[in-house]
C-alpha atoms as a PDB file:
ATOM      1  CA  UNK A   1       4.487  27.674 -19.886  1.00  0.00           C
ATOM      2  CA  UNK A   2       1.224  25.647 -19.625  1.00  0.00           C
ATOM      3  CA  UNK A   3       3.238  22.361 -19.941  1.00  0.00           C
ATOM      4  CA  UNK A   4       5.541  23.747 -17.037  1.00  0.00           C
ATOM      5  CA  UNK A   5       2.424  24.279 -14.758  1.00  0.00           C
ATOM      6  CA  UNK A   6       0.935  20.724 -15.725  1.00  0.00           C
ATOM      7  CA  UNK A   7       4.565  19.206 -14.562  1.00  0.00           C
ATOM      8  CA  UNK A   8       4.451  21.293 -11.420  1.00  0.00           C
ATOM      9  CA  UNK A   9       0.930  20.115 -10.504  1.00  0.00           C
ATOM     10  CA  UNK A  10       1.485  16.392 -11.369  1.00  0.00           C
ATOM     11  CA  UNK A  11       4.623  16.187  -9.458  1.00  0.00           C
ATOM     12  CA  UNK A  12       3.205  16.425  -6.294  1.00  0.00           C
ATOM     13  CA  UNK A  13       1.674  12.637  -6.810  1.00  0.00           C
ATOM     14  CA  UNK A  14       5.329  11.283  -6.713  1.00  0.00           C
ATOM     15  CA  UNK A  15       6.298  13.357  -3.753  1.00  0.00           C
ATOM     16  CA  UNK A  16       2.943  13.475  -1.318  1.00  0.00           C
ATOM     17  CA  UNK A  17       0.938  10.221  -0.609  1.00  0.00           C
ATOM     18  CA  UNK A  18      -1.803  12.725   0.632  1.00  0.00           C
ATOM     19  CA  UNK A  19      -2.648  13.834  -2.829  1.00  0.00           C
ATOM     20  CA  UNK A  20      -5.715  12.060  -4.161  1.00  0.00           C
ATOM     21  CA  UNK A  21      -6.471  13.988  -7.154  1.00  0.00           C
ATOM     22  CA  UNK A  22      -5.588  17.103  -9.493  1.00  0.00           C
ATOM     23  CA  UNK A  23      -8.796  18.747  -8.378  1.00  0.00           C
ATOM     24  CA  UNK A  24      -7.536  18.478  -4.739  1.00  0.00           C
ATOM     25  CA  UNK A  25      -3.875  19.569  -5.515  1.00  0.00           C
ATOM     26  CA  UNK A  26      -4.878  22.452  -7.862  1.00  0.00           C
ATOM     27  CA  UNK A  27      -7.397  23.961  -4.746  1.00  0.00           C
ATOM     28  CA  UNK A  28      -6.241  22.766  -1.549  1.00  0.00           C
ATOM     29  CA  UNK A  29      -2.574  22.965  -1.826  1.00  0.00           C
ATOM     30  CA  UNK A  30      -0.752  26.502  -0.952  1.00  0.00           C
ATOM     31  CA  UNK A  31       2.837  25.557  -2.245  1.00  0.00           C
ATOM     32  CA  UNK A  32       1.240  24.744  -5.774  1.00  0.00           C
ATOM     33  CA  UNK A  33      -0.722  28.026  -5.345  1.00  0.00           C
ATOM     34  CA  UNK A  34       2.640  29.751  -4.723  1.00  0.00           C
ATOM     35  CA  UNK A  35       4.570  28.218  -7.809  1.00  0.00           C
ATOM     36  CA  UNK A  36       1.785  28.836 -10.192  1.00  0.00           C
ATOM     37  CA  UNK A  37       1.714  32.646  -9.081  1.00  0.00           C
ATOM     38  CA  UNK A  38       5.553  32.481  -9.172  1.00  0.00           C
ATOM     39  CA  UNK A  39       5.434  31.531 -12.650  1.00  0.00           C
ATOM     40  CA  UNK A  40       3.151  34.236 -13.693  1.00  0.00           C
ATOM     41  CA  UNK A  41       5.194  37.033 -11.695  1.00  0.00           C
ATOM     42  CA  UNK A  42       8.379  35.679 -13.125  1.00  0.00           C
ATOM     43  CA  UNK A  43       7.041  36.119 -16.712  1.00  0.00           C
ATOM     44  CA  UNK A  44       5.978  39.941 -16.022  1.00  0.00           C
ATOM     45  CA  UNK A  45       9.230  40.467 -14.279  1.00  0.00           C
ATOM     46  CA  UNK A  46      11.633  38.867 -17.486  1.00  0.00           C
ATOM     47  CA  UNK A  47       9.167  41.134 -19.718  1.00  0.00           C
ATOM     48  CA  UNK A  48       9.939  44.466 -17.881  1.00  0.00           C
ATOM     49  CA  UNK A  49       6.866  44.564 -15.908  1.00  0.00           C
ATOM     50  CA  UNK A  50       8.740  44.586 -12.732  1.00  0.00           C
ATOM     51  CA  UNK A  51       6.438  46.564 -10.228  1.00  0.00           C
ATOM     52  CA  UNK A  52       3.313  44.222 -11.600  1.00  0.00           C
ATOM     53  CA  UNK A  53       5.338  40.745 -10.967  1.00  0.00           C
ATOM     54  CA  UNK A  54       6.427  42.176  -7.703  1.00  0.00           C
ATOM     55  CA  UNK A  55       2.873  42.994  -6.574  1.00  0.00           C
ATOM     56  CA  UNK A  56       1.760  39.672  -7.697  1.00  0.00           C
ATOM     57  CA  UNK A  57       4.348  37.998  -5.635  1.00  0.00           C
ATOM     58  CA  UNK A  58       3.163  39.827  -2.678  1.00  0.00           C
ATOM     59  CA  UNK A  59      -0.482  38.949  -3.058  1.00  0.00           C
ATOM     60  CA  UNK A  60       0.986  35.178  -3.527  1.00  0.00           C
ATOM     61  CA  UNK A  61       2.569  35.884   0.065  1.00  0.00           C
ATOM     62  CA  UNK A  62      -0.594  37.123   1.737  1.00  0.00           C
ATOM     63  CA  UNK A  63      -2.400  34.284   0.207  1.00  0.00           C
ATOM     64  CA  UNK A  64      -0.036  31.226   0.794  1.00  0.00           C
ATOM     65  CA  UNK A  65       2.565  32.365   3.534  1.00  0.00           C
ATOM     66  CA  UNK A  66       5.185  31.636   0.950  1.00  0.00           C
ATOM     67  CA  UNK A  67       7.543  34.411  -0.481  1.00  0.00           C
ATOM     68  CA  UNK A  68       9.131  33.932  -3.767  1.00  0.00           C
ATOM     69  CA  UNK A  69      10.863  36.844  -5.409  1.00  0.00           C
ATOM     70  CA  UNK A  70       9.846  37.097  -9.084  1.00  0.00           C
ATOM     71  CA  UNK A  71      13.479  37.283  -9.970  1.00  0.00           C
ATOM     72  CA  UNK A  72      14.455  34.092  -9.037  1.00  0.00           C
ATOM     73  CA  UNK A  73      15.028  31.127 -11.440  1.00  0.00           C
ATOM     74  CA  UNK A  74      13.206  27.957 -10.972  1.00  0.00           C
ATOM     75  CA  UNK A  75      13.123  24.821 -12.990  1.00  0.00           C
ATOM     76  CA  UNK A  76      10.396  22.260 -13.675  1.00  0.00           C
ATOM     77  CA  UNK A  77       8.459  20.058 -11.511  1.00  0.00           C
ATOM     78  CA  UNK A  78       9.099  22.349  -8.291  1.00  0.00           C
ATOM     79  CA  UNK A  79       7.190  21.203  -5.220  1.00  0.00           C
ATOM     80  CA  UNK A  80       6.701  23.286  -2.026  1.00  0.00           C
ATOM     81  CA  UNK A  81       5.207  21.188   0.455  1.00  0.00           C
ATOM     82  CA  UNK A  82       3.015  22.811   3.378  1.00  0.00           C
ATOM     83  CA  UNK A  83       5.031  25.758   2.541  1.00  0.00           C
ATOM     84  CA  UNK A  84       3.964  28.377   5.246  1.00  0.00           C
ATOM     85  CA  UNK A  85       7.127  30.258   5.939  1.00  0.00           C
ATOM     86  CA  UNK A  86       9.129  29.379   2.868  1.00  0.00           C
ATOM     87  CA  UNK A  87      11.156  32.411   1.458  1.00  0.00           C
ATOM     88  CA  UNK A  88      13.044  32.570  -1.697  1.00  0.00           C
ATOM     89  CA  UNK A  89      15.419  35.362  -2.535  1.00  0.00           C
ATOM     90  CA  UNK A  90      15.709  37.456  -5.630  1.00  0.00           C
ATOM     91  CA  UNK A  91      18.979  36.050  -7.251  1.00  0.00           C
ATOM     92  CA  UNK A  92      18.433  32.164  -6.167  1.00  0.00           C
ATOM     93  CA  UNK A  93      18.320  29.483  -8.623  1.00  0.00           C
ATOM     94  CA  UNK A  94      16.667  26.476  -8.119  1.00  0.00           C
ATOM     95  CA  UNK A  95      16.873  23.255 -10.646  1.00  0.00           C
ATOM     96  CA  UNK A  96      14.568  20.524 -11.600  1.00  0.00           C
ATOM     97  CA  UNK A  97      12.557  18.228  -9.456  1.00  0.00           C
ATOM     98  CA  UNK A  98      13.469  20.138  -6.461  1.00  0.00           C
ATOM     99  CA  UNK A  99      11.449  19.806  -3.222  1.00  0.00           C
ATOM    100  CA  UNK A 100      11.272  22.364  -0.196  1.00  0.00           C
ATOM    101  CA  UNK A 101       9.347  21.923   3.048  1.00  0.00           C
ATOM    102  CA  UNK A 102       7.878  24.517   5.515  1.00  0.00           C
ATOM    103  CA  UNK A 103       9.713  27.594   7.178  1.00  0.00           C
ATOM    104  CA  UNK A 104      12.811  27.102   4.383  1.00  0.00           C
ATOM    105  CA  UNK A 105      14.836  30.328   3.665  1.00  0.00           C
ATOM    106  CA  UNK A 106      16.967  30.706   0.724  1.00  0.00           C
ATOM    107  CA  UNK A 107      18.407  33.680   1.796  1.00  0.00           C
ATOM    108  CA  UNK A 108      21.002  36.417   1.008  1.00  0.00           C
ATOM    109  CA  UNK A 109      23.993  37.739   3.504  1.00  0.00           C
ATOM    110  CA  UNK A 110      25.265  40.609   1.653  1.00  0.00           C
ATOM    111  CA  UNK A 111      24.163  43.526  -0.559  1.00  0.00           C
ATOM    112  CA  UNK A 112      26.766  42.717  -3.134  1.00  0.00           C
ATOM    113  CA  UNK A 113      25.901  42.905  -7.143  1.00  0.00           C
ATOM    114  CA  UNK A 114      25.340  39.532  -8.772  1.00  0.00           C
ATOM    115  CA  UNK A 115      24.193  36.306  -6.987  1.00  0.00           C
ATOM    116  CA  UNK A 116      23.770  36.329  -3.545  1.00  0.00           C
ATOM    117  CA  UNK A 117      21.394  33.832  -2.945  1.00  0.00           C
ATOM    118  CA  UNK A 118      21.871  29.666  -3.042  1.00  0.00           C
ATOM    119  CA  UNK A 119      22.213  28.047  -6.476  1.00  0.00           C
ATOM    120  CA  UNK A 120      20.212  25.133  -6.047  1.00  0.00           C
ATOM    121  CA  UNK A 121      20.689  21.986  -8.402  1.00  0.00           C
ATOM    122  CA  UNK A 122      18.536  19.206  -9.863  1.00  0.00           C
ATOM    123  CA  UNK A 123      16.760  16.657  -7.511  1.00  0.00           C
ATOM    124  CA  UNK A 124      17.483  18.282  -4.286  1.00  0.00           C
ATOM    125  CA  UNK A 125      15.456  18.005  -1.204  1.00  0.00           C
ATOM    126  CA  UNK A 126      15.343  20.590   1.773  1.00  0.00           C
ATOM    127  CA  UNK A 127      13.936  19.665   4.855  1.00  0.00           C
ATOM    128  CA  UNK A 128      11.812  21.671   7.187  1.00  0.00           C
ATOM    129  CA  UNK A 129      13.437  24.806   8.852  1.00  0.00           C
ATOM    130  CA  UNK A 130      16.396  24.503   6.875  1.00  0.00           C
ATOM    131  CA  UNK A 131      18.478  27.902   6.249  1.00  0.00           C
ATOM    132  CA  UNK A 132      20.675  28.430   3.368  1.00  0.00           C
ATOM    133  CA  UNK A 133      22.532  31.539   3.423  1.00  0.00           C
ATOM    134  CA  UNK A 134      24.481  33.066   0.840  1.00  0.00           C
ATOM    135  CA  UNK A 135      25.804  32.369  -2.768  1.00  0.00           C
ATOM    136  CA  UNK A 136      26.292  28.863  -1.653  1.00  0.00           C
ATOM    137  CA  UNK A 137      26.252  26.032  -4.467  1.00  0.00           C
ATOM    138  CA  UNK A 138      24.141  22.873  -3.603  1.00  0.00           C
ATOM    139  CA  UNK A 139      25.070  20.299  -5.885  1.00  0.00           C
ATOM    140  CA  UNK A 140      22.657  17.554  -7.822  1.00  0.00           C
ATOM    141  CA  UNK A 141      20.827  15.114  -5.445  1.00  0.00           C
ATOM    142  CA  UNK A 142      22.137  16.503  -2.657  1.00  0.00           C
ATOM    143  CA  UNK A 143      19.810  16.573   0.734  1.00  0.00           C
ATOM    144  CA  UNK A 144      19.679  18.997   3.213  1.00  0.00           C
ATOM    145  CA  UNK A 145      18.364  17.994   6.786  1.00  0.00           C
ATOM    146  CA  UNK A 146      15.632  19.520   8.655  1.00  0.00           C
ATOM    147  CA  UNK A 147      16.480  22.523  10.745  1.00  0.00           C
ATOM    148  CA  UNK A 148      20.191  22.521   8.973  1.00  0.00           C
ATOM    149  CA  UNK A 149      21.864  26.015   8.757  1.00  0.00           C
ATOM    150  CA  UNK A 150      23.969  25.697   5.218  1.00  0.00           C
ATOM    151  CA  UNK A 151      26.516  28.358   4.922  1.00  0.00           C
ATOM    152  CA  UNK A 152      29.117  26.550   2.783  1.00  0.00           C
ATOM    153  CA  UNK A 153      28.722  24.473  -0.691  1.00  0.00           C
ATOM    154  CA  UNK A 154      27.271  20.901  -0.339  1.00  0.00           C
ATOM    155  CA  UNK A 155      28.889  18.409  -3.132  1.00  0.00           C
ATOM    156  CA  UNK A 156      26.549  16.700  -5.374  1.00  0.00           C
ATOM    157  CA  UNK A 157      24.830  13.281  -3.752  1.00  0.00           C
ATOM    158  CA  UNK A 158      25.644  14.312  -0.240  1.00  0.00           C
ATOM    159  CA  UNK A 159      23.214  14.665   2.736  1.00  0.00           C
ATOM    160  CA  UNK A 160      24.216  17.383   5.506  1.00  0.00           C
ATOM    161  CA  UNK A 161      22.450  18.006   8.823  1.00  0.00           C
ATOM    162  CA  UNK A 162      23.195  20.184  11.768  1.00  0.00           C
ATOM    163  CA  UNK A 163      24.205  23.646  12.549  1.00  0.00           C
ATOM    164  CA  UNK A 164      26.599  24.405  10.827  1.00  0.00           C
ATOM    165  CA  UNK A 165      25.525  21.884   8.532  1.00  0.00           C
ATOM    166  CA  UNK A 166      28.005  19.000   8.275  1.00  0.00           C
ATOM    167  CA  UNK A 167      27.952  15.803   5.663  1.00  0.00           C
ATOM    168  CA  UNK A 168      26.882  12.398   7.382  1.00  0.00           C
ATOM    169  CA  UNK A 169      26.605  10.529   3.948  1.00  0.00           C
ATOM    170  CA  UNK A 170      29.206  10.750   1.115  1.00  0.00           C
ATOM    171  CA  UNK A 171      26.981   9.401  -1.572  1.00  0.00           C
ATOM    172  CA  UNK A 172      23.011   9.771  -1.930  1.00  0.00           C
ATOM    173  CA  UNK A 173      21.626   5.766  -1.918  1.00  0.00           C
ATOM    174  CA  UNK A 174      21.370   4.522  -5.357  1.00  0.00           C
ATOM    175  CA  UNK A 175      17.336   4.214  -4.979  1.00  0.00           C
ATOM    176  CA  UNK A 176      17.026   7.714  -4.566  1.00  0.00           C
ATOM    177  CA  UNK A 177      18.954   8.563  -7.631  1.00  0.00           C
ATOM    178  CA  UNK A 178      16.807   5.896  -9.244  1.00  0.00           C
ATOM    179  CA  UNK A 179      13.460   8.297  -8.664  1.00  0.00           C
ATOM    180  CA  UNK A 180      12.042   7.249  -5.407  1.00  0.00           C
ATOM    181  CA  UNK A 181      11.287   9.939  -2.644  1.00  0.00           C
ATOM    182  CA  UNK A 182      13.007  10.877   0.774  1.00  0.00           C
ATOM    183  CA  UNK A 183      11.080  12.770   2.615  1.00  0.00           C
ATOM    184  CA  UNK A 184      12.453  15.841   4.527  1.00  0.00           C
ATOM    185  CA  UNK A 185      15.792  14.915   3.219  1.00  0.00           C
ATOM    186  CA  UNK A 186      16.778  13.379   6.612  1.00  0.00           C
ATOM    187  CA  UNK A 187      18.632   9.887   6.956  1.00  0.00           C
ATOM    188  CA  UNK A 188      16.744   7.064   8.388  1.00  0.00           C
ATOM    189  CA  UNK A 189      19.537   4.522   8.633  1.00  0.00           C
ATOM    190  CA  UNK A 190      21.994   4.175  11.441  1.00  0.00           C
ATOM    191  CA  UNK A 191      23.621   7.512  10.086  1.00  0.00           C
ATOM    192  CA  UNK A 192      22.862  10.500  12.149  1.00  0.00           C
ATOM    193  CA  UNK A 193      23.692  14.143  13.460  1.00  0.00           C
ATOM    194  CA  UNK A 194      27.825  14.528  13.403  1.00  0.00           C
ATOM    195  CA  UNK A 195      27.711  16.234  16.571  1.00  0.00           C
ATOM    196  CA  UNK A 196      25.799  13.658  18.342  1.00  0.00           C
ATOM    197  CA  UNK A 197      28.249  11.099  16.589  1.00  0.00           C
ATOM    198  CA  UNK A 198      30.836  12.723  18.319  1.00  0.00           C
ATOM    199  CA  UNK A 199      29.251  12.829  21.855  1.00  0.00           C
ATOM    200  CA  UNK A 200      28.696   8.865  21.415  1.00  0.00           C
ATOM    201  CA  UNK A 201      32.454   8.691  20.369  1.00  0.00           C
ATOM    202  CA  UNK A 202      33.282  10.672  23.656  1.00  0.00           C
ATOM    203  CA  UNK A 203      30.913   8.666  25.579  1.00  0.00           C
ATOM    204  CA  UNK A 204      32.457   5.265  24.388  1.00  0.00           C
ATOM    205  CA  UNK A 205      35.944   6.350  25.122  1.00  0.00           C
ATOM    206  CA  UNK A 206      34.951   7.682  28.863  1.00  0.00           C
ATOM    207  CA  UNK A 207      33.606   4.118  29.479  1.00  0.00           C
ATOM    208  CA  UNK A 208      36.732   2.771  28.363  1.00  0.00           C
ATOM    209  CA  UNK A 209      38.870   5.065  30.587  1.00  0.00           C
ATOM    210  CA  UNK A 210      36.470   4.318  33.515  1.00  0.00           C
ATOM    211  CA  UNK A 211      37.097   0.779  33.149  1.00  0.00           C
ATOM    212  CA  UNK A 212      40.611   1.279  32.537  1.00  0.00           C
ATOM    213  CA  UNK A 213      40.779   3.543  35.841  1.00  0.00           C
ATOM    214  CA  UNK A 214      38.811   0.813  37.714  1.00  0.00           C
ATOM    215  CA  UNK A 215      41.468  -1.901  36.569  1.00  0.00           C
ATOM    216  CA  UNK A 216      44.322   0.136  37.734  1.00  0.00           C
ATOM    217  CA  UNK A 217      42.584   0.569  41.170  1.00  0.00           C
ATOM    218  CA  UNK A 218      42.207  -3.183  41.508  1.00  0.00           C
ATOM    219  CA  UNK A 219      45.836  -3.573  40.555  1.00  0.00           C
ATOM    220  CA  UNK A 220      47.059  -1.017  43.087  1.00  0.00           C
ATOM    221  CA  UNK A 221      45.238  -2.416  45.705  1.00  0.00           C
ATOM    222  CA  UNK A 222      46.684  -6.137  45.041  1.00  0.00           C
ATOM    223  CA  UNK A 223      49.869  -4.364  45.251  1.00  0.00           C
ATOM    224  CA  UNK A 224      49.345  -2.669  48.708  1.00  0.00           C
ATOM    225  CA  UNK A 225      47.905  -5.888  49.936  1.00  0.00           C
ATOM    226  CA  UNK A 226      51.085  -7.610  48.825  1.00  0.00           C
ATOM    227  CA  UNK A 227      53.549  -4.757  50.672  1.00  0.00           C
ATOM    228  CA  UNK A 228      51.518  -5.198  53.884  1.00  0.00           C
ATOM    229  CA  UNK A 229      52.005  -8.729  53.503  1.00  0.00           C
ATOM    230  CA  UNK A 230      55.685  -8.573  53.252  1.00  0.00           C
ATOM    231  CA  UNK A 231      56.094  -6.015  56.035  1.00  0.00           C
ATOM    232  CA  UNK A 232      54.205  -8.303  58.153  1.00  0.00           C
ATOM    233  CA  UNK A 233      56.375 -11.091  57.449  1.00  0.00           C
ATOM    234  CA  UNK A 234      59.578  -8.724  57.714  1.00  0.00           C
ATOM    235  CA  UNK A 235      58.217  -7.661  61.374  1.00  0.00           C
ATOM    236  CA  UNK A 236      57.687 -11.394  62.334  1.00  0.00           C
ATOM    237  CA  UNK A 237      61.135 -12.286  61.303  1.00  0.00           C
END
């Protein structure tokens, strides 16, 4: 458990350029405090001290603004950046090397027994304000864009954005898989929200139609002029 805690602290340096020292991380990062208290509450929960585990998670929420149910399963090197408003439900599962930003919810949508919260793979980034609802599966290396609402499974190596979330990249760029970090899980290249892309496509089609209509009007005016000329010649004859 001690090694896991050390890894949680050290993982901050790979994902937050503002981190300057372990002392700063330990004392000034509420996301780290929430994870440390989760590790303790989860240990108590798994060993039958459920009320005590739940009480510690409540104290953690009061201190950090982050709510992690002690029954959740969270892997190594988990980092919550900023953190305020994060909610992680009881049956949620989170893999290794996952990053979550503030206002993220891993929530349930039913009272069914068994898993009812999201199941998150390894090396996943979930952007600020994203809402992941139900027992969906998010594959390894996936990226969830800021403010996305995810209610369906996300394939590995895929970036999703929008409401409801839709894929914008079939594969995660190779440099991301090699260990570099992409803040907030949001694409920074020409790829964009699929709704915006659809609207842009419609705008282009409208411009083409307008150009075609203008051309037809010119042709119509030319034909009308020719018809008038023929009528004038006919009258003169």
